[in-house]
PDB file of N, CA and C in Angstrom:
ATOM      1  N   MET A   1      -5.360 -28.828 -12.648  1.00  0.00           N
ATOM      2  CA  MET A   1      -6.253 -27.618 -12.644  1.00  0.00           C
ATOM      3  C   MET A   1      -7.306 -27.936 -13.440  1.00  0.00           C
ATOM      4  N   SER A   2      -8.696 -28.173 -13.031  1.00  0.00           N
ATOM      5  CA  SER A   2      -9.865 -28.097 -13.958  1.00  0.00           C
ATOM      6  C   SER A   2     -10.459 -27.268 -14.282  1.00  0.00           C
ATOM      7  N   LYS A   3     -10.170 -25.797 -13.944  1.00  0.00           N
ATOM      8  CA  LYS A   3     -10.894 -25.004 -14.415  1.00  0.00           C
ATOM      9  C   LYS A   3      -9.768 -23.769 -14.994  1.00  0.00           C
ATOM     10  N   GLU A   4      -9.780 -22.551 -15.918  1.00  0.00           N
ATOM     11  CA  GLU A   4      -9.118 -21.791 -15.674  1.00  0.00           C
ATOM     12  C   GLU A   4      -9.410 -20.627 -15.192  1.00  0.00           C
ATOM     13  N   LEU A   5      -8.691 -19.785 -14.358  1.00  0.00           N
ATOM     14  CA  LEU A   5      -8.820 -18.575 -13.753  1.00  0.00           C
ATOM     15  C   LEU A   5      -9.274 -17.615 -14.836  1.00  0.00           C
ATOM     16  N   PRO A   6     -10.626 -16.894 -14.435  1.00  0.00           N
ATOM     17  CA  PRO A   6     -10.780 -15.711 -15.185  1.00  0.00           C
ATOM     18  C   PRO A   6     -10.122 -14.729 -14.989  1.00  0.00           C
ATOM     19  N   SER A   7     -10.227 -13.541 -15.170  1.00  0.00           N
ATOM     20  CA  SER A   7      -9.597 -12.511 -15.157  1.00  0.00           C
ATOM     21  C   SER A   7     -10.375 -11.830 -14.303  1.00  0.00           C
ATOM     22  N   LEU A   8      -9.586 -11.166 -13.381  1.00  0.00           N
ATOM     23  CA  LEU A   8     -10.126 -10.520 -12.279  1.00  0.00           C
ATOM     24  C   LEU A   8      -9.300  -8.996 -12.118  1.00  0.00           C
ATOM     25  N   THR A   9      -9.691  -8.171 -11.429  1.00  0.00           N
ATOM     26  CA  THR A   9      -9.641  -6.863 -11.408  1.00  0.00           C
ATOM     27  C   THR A   9      -9.332  -6.896  -9.661  1.00  0.00           C
ATOM     28  N   PRO A  10      -8.565  -5.809  -9.394  1.00  0.00           N
ATOM     29  CA  PRO A  10      -8.271  -5.952  -8.290  1.00  0.00           C
ATOM     30  C   PRO A  10      -9.567  -5.443  -7.071  1.00  0.00           C
ATOM     31  N   LYS A  11     -10.505  -4.480  -7.157  1.00  0.00           N
ATOM     32  CA  LYS A  11     -11.197  -5.072  -6.507  1.00  0.00           C
ATOM     33  C   LYS A  11     -11.926  -6.035  -5.995  1.00  0.00           C
ATOM     34  N   HIS A  12     -12.445  -6.545  -7.117  1.00  0.00           N
ATOM     35  CA  HIS A  12     -13.234  -8.148  -7.148  1.00  0.00           C
ATOM     36  C   HIS A  12     -12.161  -9.059  -6.381  1.00  0.00           C
ATOM     37  N   LEU A  13     -11.062  -9.017  -6.646  1.00  0.00           N
ATOM     38  CA  LEU A  13     -10.661 -10.251  -5.931  1.00  0.00           C
ATOM     39  C   LEU A  13     -10.447  -9.848  -4.457  1.00  0.00           C
ATOM     40  N   ILE A  14     -10.270  -8.228  -3.823  1.00  0.00           N
ATOM     41  CA  ILE A  14     -10.371  -7.771  -2.695  1.00  0.00           C
ATOM     42  C   ILE A  14     -11.696  -8.577  -2.015  1.00  0.00           C
ATOM     43  N   ARG A  15     -12.858  -7.926  -2.949  1.00  0.00           N
ATOM     44  CA  ARG A  15     -14.130  -8.498  -2.113  1.00  0.00           C
ATOM     45  C   ARG A  15     -14.268  -9.991  -1.922  1.00  0.00           C
ATOM     46  N   VAL A  16     -13.408 -10.832  -3.015  1.00  0.00           N
ATOM     47  CA  VAL A  16     -13.308 -12.513  -2.686  1.00  0.00           C
ATOM     48  C   VAL A  16     -12.526 -12.745  -1.329  1.00  0.00           C
ATOM     49  N   LEU A  17     -11.504 -12.188  -1.314  1.00  0.00           N
ATOM     50  CA  LEU A  17     -10.733 -12.337   0.263  1.00  0.00           C
ATOM     51  C   LEU A  17     -11.401 -11.790   1.158  1.00  0.00           C
ATOM     52  N   GLU A  18     -11.968 -10.688   1.108  1.00  0.00           N
ATOM     53  CA  GLU A  18     -12.671 -10.442   2.563  1.00  0.00           C
ATOM     54  C   GLU A  18     -13.907 -11.208   2.454  1.00  0.00           C
ATOM     55  N   LYS A  19     -14.409 -11.808   1.757  1.00  0.00           N
ATOM     56  CA  LYS A  19     -15.680 -13.180   2.021  1.00  0.00           C
ATOM     57  C   LYS A  19     -14.977 -14.479   2.833  1.00  0.00           C
ATOM     58  N   ILE A  20     -13.689 -14.656   2.294  1.00  0.00           N
ATOM     59  CA  ILE A  20     -13.203 -15.763   3.136  1.00  0.00           C
ATOM     60  C   ILE A  20     -12.052 -15.166   4.138  1.00  0.00           C
ATOM     61  N   GLY A  21     -12.703 -14.174   4.529  1.00  0.00           N
ATOM     62  CA  GLY A  21     -12.121 -13.958   6.021  1.00  0.00           C
ATOM     63  C   GLY A  21     -10.876 -13.157   6.133  1.00  0.00           C
ATOM     64  N   PHE A  22     -10.114 -12.373   4.595  1.00  0.00           N
ATOM     65  CA  PHE A  22      -9.016 -11.616   5.063  1.00  0.00           C
ATOM     66  C   PHE A  22      -9.600 -10.379   5.353  1.00  0.00           C
ATOM     67  N   GLU A  23      -9.080  -9.630   5.817  1.00  0.00           N
ATOM     68  CA  GLU A  23      -8.866  -8.336   6.522  1.00  0.00           C
ATOM     69  C   GLU A  23      -7.735  -7.055   6.183  1.00  0.00           C
ATOM     70  N   PHE A  24      -8.344  -5.909   5.957  1.00  0.00           N
ATOM     71  CA  PHE A  24      -7.446  -4.861   5.080  1.00  0.00           C
ATOM     72  C   PHE A  24      -6.602  -4.728   6.353  1.00  0.00           C
ATOM     73  N   PHE A  25      -5.146  -4.580   6.071  1.00  0.00           N
ATOM     74  CA  PHE A  25      -4.353  -4.507   7.419  1.00  0.00           C
ATOM     75  C   PHE A  25      -3.467  -3.020   7.477  1.00  0.00           C
ATOM     76  N   ARG A  26      -2.810  -2.777   5.832  1.00  0.00           N
ATOM     77  CA  ARG A  26      -2.008  -1.716   5.863  1.00  0.00           C
ATOM     78  C   ARG A  26      -1.931  -1.307   4.054  1.00  0.00           C
ATOM     79  N   GLN A  27      -1.676  -0.085   3.766  1.00  0.00           N
ATOM     80  CA  GLN A  27      -1.463   0.134   2.469  1.00  0.00           C
ATOM     81  C   GLN A  27      -0.190   0.927   2.009  1.00  0.00           C
ATOM     82  N   LYS A  28       0.724   0.428   1.157  1.00  0.00           N
ATOM     83  CA  LYS A  28       1.918   1.209   0.907  1.00  0.00           C
ATOM     84  C   LYS A  28       1.883   1.414  -0.720  1.00  0.00           C
ATOM     85  N   GLY A  29       1.242   2.846  -0.817  1.00  0.00           N
ATOM     86  CA  GLY A  29       1.911   3.064  -2.090  1.00  0.00           C
ATOM     87  C   GLY A  29       0.206   2.418  -2.649  1.00  0.00           C
ATOM     88  N   SER A  30       0.388   1.627  -4.062  1.00  0.00           N
ATOM     89  CA  SER A  30      -0.394   0.829  -4.763  1.00  0.00           C
ATOM     90  C   SER A  30      -0.766  -0.666  -4.114  1.00  0.00           C
ATOM     91  N   HIS A  31       0.041  -0.833  -3.153  1.00  0.00           N
ATOM     92  CA  HIS A  31      -0.164  -2.313  -2.592  1.00  0.00           C
ATOM     93  C   HIS A  31      -0.686  -2.689  -1.244  1.00  0.00           C
ATOM     94  N   ARG A  32      -2.136  -3.143  -1.723  1.00  0.00           N
ATOM     95  CA  ARG A  32      -2.656  -3.399  -0.106  1.00  0.00           C
ATOM     96  C   ARG A  32      -2.374  -4.836   0.385  1.00  0.00           C
ATOM     97  N   VAL A  33      -2.474  -4.418   1.727  1.00  0.00           N
ATOM     98  CA  VAL A  33      -1.891  -6.093   2.527  1.00  0.00           C
ATOM     99  C   VAL A  33      -3.012  -6.281   3.326  1.00  0.00           C
ATOM    100  N   PHE A  34      -3.367  -7.759   3.088  1.00  0.00           N
ATOM    101  CA  PHE A  34      -4.754  -8.438   3.718  1.00  0.00           C
ATOM    102  C   PHE A  34      -3.804  -9.330   4.646  1.00  0.00           C
ATOM    103  N   VAL A  35      -4.773  -9.625   5.507  1.00  0.00           N
ATOM    104  CA  VAL A  35      -4.208 -10.549   6.704  1.00  0.00           C
ATOM    105  C   VAL A  35      -5.329 -11.530   7.214  1.00  0.00           C
ATOM    106  N   LYS A  36      -5.036 -12.922   7.293  1.00  0.00           N
ATOM    107  CA  LYS A  36      -5.855 -13.431   8.127  1.00  0.00           C
ATOM    108  C   LYS A  36      -4.917 -14.717   9.054  1.00  0.00           C
ATOM    109  N   GLY A  37      -5.172 -14.300  10.053  1.00  0.00           N
ATOM    110  CA  GLY A  37      -4.500 -15.239  11.305  1.00  0.00           C
ATOM    111  C   GLY A  37      -2.965 -14.832  11.050  1.00  0.00           C
ATOM    112  N   ASP A  38      -2.328 -16.260  10.521  1.00  0.00           N
ATOM    113  CA  ASP A  38      -0.502 -15.873  10.371  1.00  0.00           C
ATOM    114  C   ASP A  38      -0.559 -15.763   8.459  1.00  0.00           C
ATOM    115  N   ARG A  39      -1.054 -15.608   7.838  1.00  0.00           N
ATOM    116  CA  ARG A  39      -1.069 -15.622   6.267  1.00  0.00           C
ATOM    117  C   ARG A  39      -1.259 -14.354   6.079  1.00  0.00           C
ATOM    118  N   GLN A  40      -0.485 -13.786   5.032  1.00  0.00           N
ATOM    119  CA  GLN A  40      -0.428 -12.412   4.411  1.00  0.00           C
ATOM    120  C   GLN A  40      -0.504 -12.189   3.032  1.00  0.00           C
ATOM    121  N   VAL A  41      -1.358 -11.238   2.109  1.00  0.00           N
ATOM    122  CA  VAL A  41      -1.314 -11.480   0.872  1.00  0.00           C
ATOM    123  C   VAL A  41      -1.295 -10.274   0.881  1.00  0.00           C
ATOM    124  N   ILE A  42      -0.462  -9.670  -0.274  1.00  0.00           N
ATOM    125  CA  ILE A  42      -0.162  -8.534  -1.296  1.00  0.00           C
ATOM    126  C   ILE A  42      -1.321  -8.368  -2.479  1.00  0.00           C
ATOM    127  N   VAL A  43      -2.112  -7.185  -2.500  1.00  0.00           N
ATOM    128  CA  VAL A  43      -2.891  -7.310  -3.638  1.00  0.00           C
ATOM    129  C   VAL A  43      -2.259  -5.882  -4.186  1.00  0.00           C
ATOM    130  N   PRO A  44      -1.595  -5.950  -5.654  1.00  0.00           N
ATOM    131  CA  PRO A  44      -1.472  -4.438  -6.566  1.00  0.00           C
ATOM    132  C   PRO A  44      -2.749  -3.866  -6.564  1.00  0.00           C
ATOM    133  N   TYR A  45      -3.015  -2.517  -6.176  1.00  0.00           N
ATOM    134  CA  TYR A  45      -4.541  -2.044  -6.623  1.00  0.00           C
ATOM    135  C   TYR A  45      -3.996  -1.132  -7.615  1.00  0.00           C
ATOM    136  N   HIS A  46      -4.458  -1.522  -9.017  1.00  0.00           N
ATOM    137  CA  HIS A  46      -4.537  -0.171 -10.185  1.00  0.00           C
ATOM    138  C   HIS A  46      -5.911  -0.634 -10.881  1.00  0.00           C
ATOM    139  N   SER A  47      -6.300  -0.293 -12.062  1.00  0.00           N
ATOM    140  CA  SER A  47      -7.329  -0.061 -12.499  1.00  0.00           C
ATOM    141  C   SER A  47      -7.451  -1.586 -13.147  1.00  0.00           C
ATOM    142  N   LYS A  48      -6.502  -2.150 -14.100  1.00  0.00           N
ATOM    143  CA  LYS A  48      -6.346  -2.942 -14.865  1.00  0.00           C
ATOM    144  C   LYS A  48      -6.706  -4.277 -14.325  1.00  0.00           C
ATOM    145  N   ASP A  49      -6.906  -5.451 -14.770  1.00  0.00           N
ATOM    146  CA  ASP A  49      -6.864  -7.048 -14.512  1.00  0.00           C
ATOM    147  C   ASP A  49      -5.505  -7.248 -14.421  1.00  0.00           C
ATOM    148  N   LEU A  50      -5.699  -7.983 -13.245  1.00  0.00           N
ATOM    149  CA  LEU A  50      -4.319  -8.825 -12.636  1.00  0.00           C
ATOM    150  C   LEU A  50      -3.918  -9.876 -13.719  1.00  0.00           C
ATOM    151  N   LYS A  51      -2.684  -9.797 -13.632  1.00  0.00           N
ATOM    152  CA  LYS A  51      -1.865 -10.697 -14.145  1.00  0.00           C
ATOM    153  C   LYS A  51      -1.764 -12.168 -13.908  1.00  0.00           C
ATOM    154  N   LYS A  52      -1.816 -13.229 -14.878  1.00  0.00           N
ATOM    155  CA  LYS A  52      -2.794 -14.405 -13.737  1.00  0.00           C
ATOM    156  C   LYS A  52      -1.529 -14.846 -13.098  1.00  0.00           C
ATOM    157  N   GLY A  53      -0.172 -14.810 -13.237  1.00  0.00           N
ATOM    158  CA  GLY A  53       0.762 -15.227 -12.237  1.00  0.00           C
ATOM    159  C   GLY A  53       0.978 -14.479 -11.098  1.00  0.00           C
ATOM    160  N   THR A  54       0.146 -13.159 -11.342  1.00  0.00           N
ATOM    161  CA  THR A  54       0.060 -12.594  -9.898  1.00  0.00           C
ATOM    162  C   THR A  54      -1.110 -12.945  -9.532  1.00  0.00           C
ATOM    163  N   LEU A  55      -2.017 -13.601  -9.873  1.00  0.00           N
ATOM    164  CA  LEU A  55      -3.319 -14.257  -9.307  1.00  0.00           C
ATOM    165  C   LEU A  55      -3.171 -15.440  -8.875  1.00  0.00           C
ATOM    166  N   TYR A  56      -1.944 -16.012  -9.721  1.00  0.00           N
ATOM    167  CA  TYR A  56      -1.902 -17.594  -8.703  1.00  0.00           C
ATOM    168  C   TYR A  56      -1.276 -17.198  -7.512  1.00  0.00           C
ATOM    169  N   GLN A  57      -0.113 -16.279  -7.248  1.00  0.00           N
ATOM    170  CA  GLN A  57       0.586 -16.176  -6.428  1.00  0.00           C
ATOM    171  C   GLN A  57      -0.459 -16.011  -4.993  1.00  0.00           C
ATOM    172  N   ILE A  58      -1.284 -15.284  -5.589  1.00  0.00           N
ATOM    173  CA  ILE A  58      -1.829 -14.860  -4.446  1.00  0.00           C
ATOM    174  C   ILE A  58      -2.870 -15.858  -3.855  1.00  0.00           C
ATOM    175  N   ILE A  59      -3.490 -16.304  -4.530  1.00  0.00           N
ATOM    176  CA  ILE A  59      -4.529 -17.487  -4.155  1.00  0.00           C
ATOM    177  C   ILE A  59      -3.319 -18.567  -3.181  1.00  0.00           C
ATOM    178  N   LYS A  60      -2.214 -18.863  -3.709  1.00  0.00           N
ATOM    179  CA  LYS A  60      -1.344 -19.679  -3.146  1.00  0.00           C
ATOM    180  C   LYS A  60      -1.032 -19.350  -2.121  1.00  0.00           C
ATOM    181  N   GLY A  61      -1.243 -17.721  -1.719  1.00  0.00           N
ATOM    182  CA  GLY A  61      -0.572 -17.071   0.076  1.00  0.00           C
ATOM    183  C   GLY A  61      -1.960 -17.633   0.733  1.00  0.00           C
ATOM    184  N   THR A  62      -3.323 -17.348   0.180  1.00  0.00           N
ATOM    185  CA  THR A  62      -4.363 -17.555   0.956  1.00  0.00           C
ATOM    186  C   THR A  62      -4.457 -19.070   1.564  1.00  0.00           C
ATOM    187  N   GLY A  63      -3.449 -20.103   0.990  1.00  0.00           N
ATOM    188  CA  GLY A  63      -4.047 -21.288   1.030  1.00  0.00           C
ATOM    189  C   GLY A  63      -4.877 -22.320   0.759  1.00  0.00           C
ATOM    190  N   LEU A  64      -5.818 -21.608   0.027  1.00  0.00           N
ATOM    191  CA  LEU A  64      -6.601 -22.302  -1.093  1.00  0.00           C
ATOM    192  C   LEU A  64      -5.966 -22.993  -2.049  1.00  0.00           C
ATOM    193  N   SER A  65      -6.855 -23.933  -2.406  1.00  0.00           N
ATOM    194  CA  SER A  65      -6.207 -24.617  -3.730  1.00  0.00           C
ATOM    195  C   SER A  65      -7.318 -23.435  -5.338  1.00  0.00           C
ATOM    196  N   ILE A  66      -6.790 -23.928  -6.004  1.00  0.00           N
ATOM    197  CA  ILE A  66      -7.578 -22.686  -7.445  1.00  0.00           C
ATOM    198  C   ILE A  66      -9.139 -23.206  -7.439  1.00  0.00           C
ATOM    199  N   GLU A  67      -9.461 -24.781  -7.769  1.00  0.00           N
ATOM    200  CA  GLU A  67     -10.938 -24.785  -7.318  1.00  0.00           C
ATOM    201  C   GLU A  67     -11.499 -24.103  -6.205  1.00  0.00           C
ATOM    202  N   GLU A  68     -11.310 -24.480  -5.116  1.00  0.00           N
ATOM    203  CA  GLU A  68     -11.392 -23.572  -3.896  1.00  0.00           C
ATOM    204  C   GLU A  68     -11.796 -22.254  -3.576  1.00  0.00           C
ATOM    205  N   PHE A  69     -10.920 -21.447  -4.330  1.00  0.00           N
ATOM    206  CA  PHE A  69     -11.052 -20.161  -5.067  1.00  0.00           C
ATOM    207  C   PHE A  69     -12.288 -19.717  -5.427  1.00  0.00           C
ATOM    208  N   ILE A  70     -11.891 -20.734  -6.901  1.00  0.00           N
ATOM    209  CA  ILE A  70     -13.259 -20.311  -7.915  1.00  0.00           C
ATOM    210  C   ILE A  70     -14.440 -19.998  -7.124  1.00  0.00           C
ATOM    211  N   ARG A  71     -14.947 -21.273  -6.098  1.00  0.00           N
ATOM    212  CA  ARG A  71     -15.974 -21.481  -5.743  1.00  0.00           C
ATOM    213  C   ARG A  71     -16.555 -19.872  -5.114  1.00  0.00           C
ATOM    214  N   PHE A  72     -15.710 -19.706  -4.748  1.00  0.00           N
ATOM    215  CA  PHE A  72     -15.933 -18.102  -4.009  1.00  0.00           C
ATOM    216  C   PHE A  72     -16.203 -16.810  -5.376  1.00  0.00           C
ATOM    217  N   LEU A  73     -16.007 -17.201  -6.234  1.00  0.00           N
ATOM    218  CA  LEU A  73     -16.198 -15.927  -7.358  1.00  0.00           C
ATOM    219  C   LEU A  73     -17.733 -16.018  -7.118  1.00  0.00           C
TER     220      LEU A  73
END
């Protein structure tokens, strides 16, 4: 991993997900579900920045590498 992930709010992360082709599917409580083909990612939607571990798991769920994801920021 060549670059460190910046802090992202859920709102910014959702914009990136939509840019790479994920679409909003549903929401239950404070968790929004986005899908693209057979892939699904769940984004906790609140006002704080996402924790690094949560962000890594969401990126892993998209099927992109960290470097590929960072290019979309």
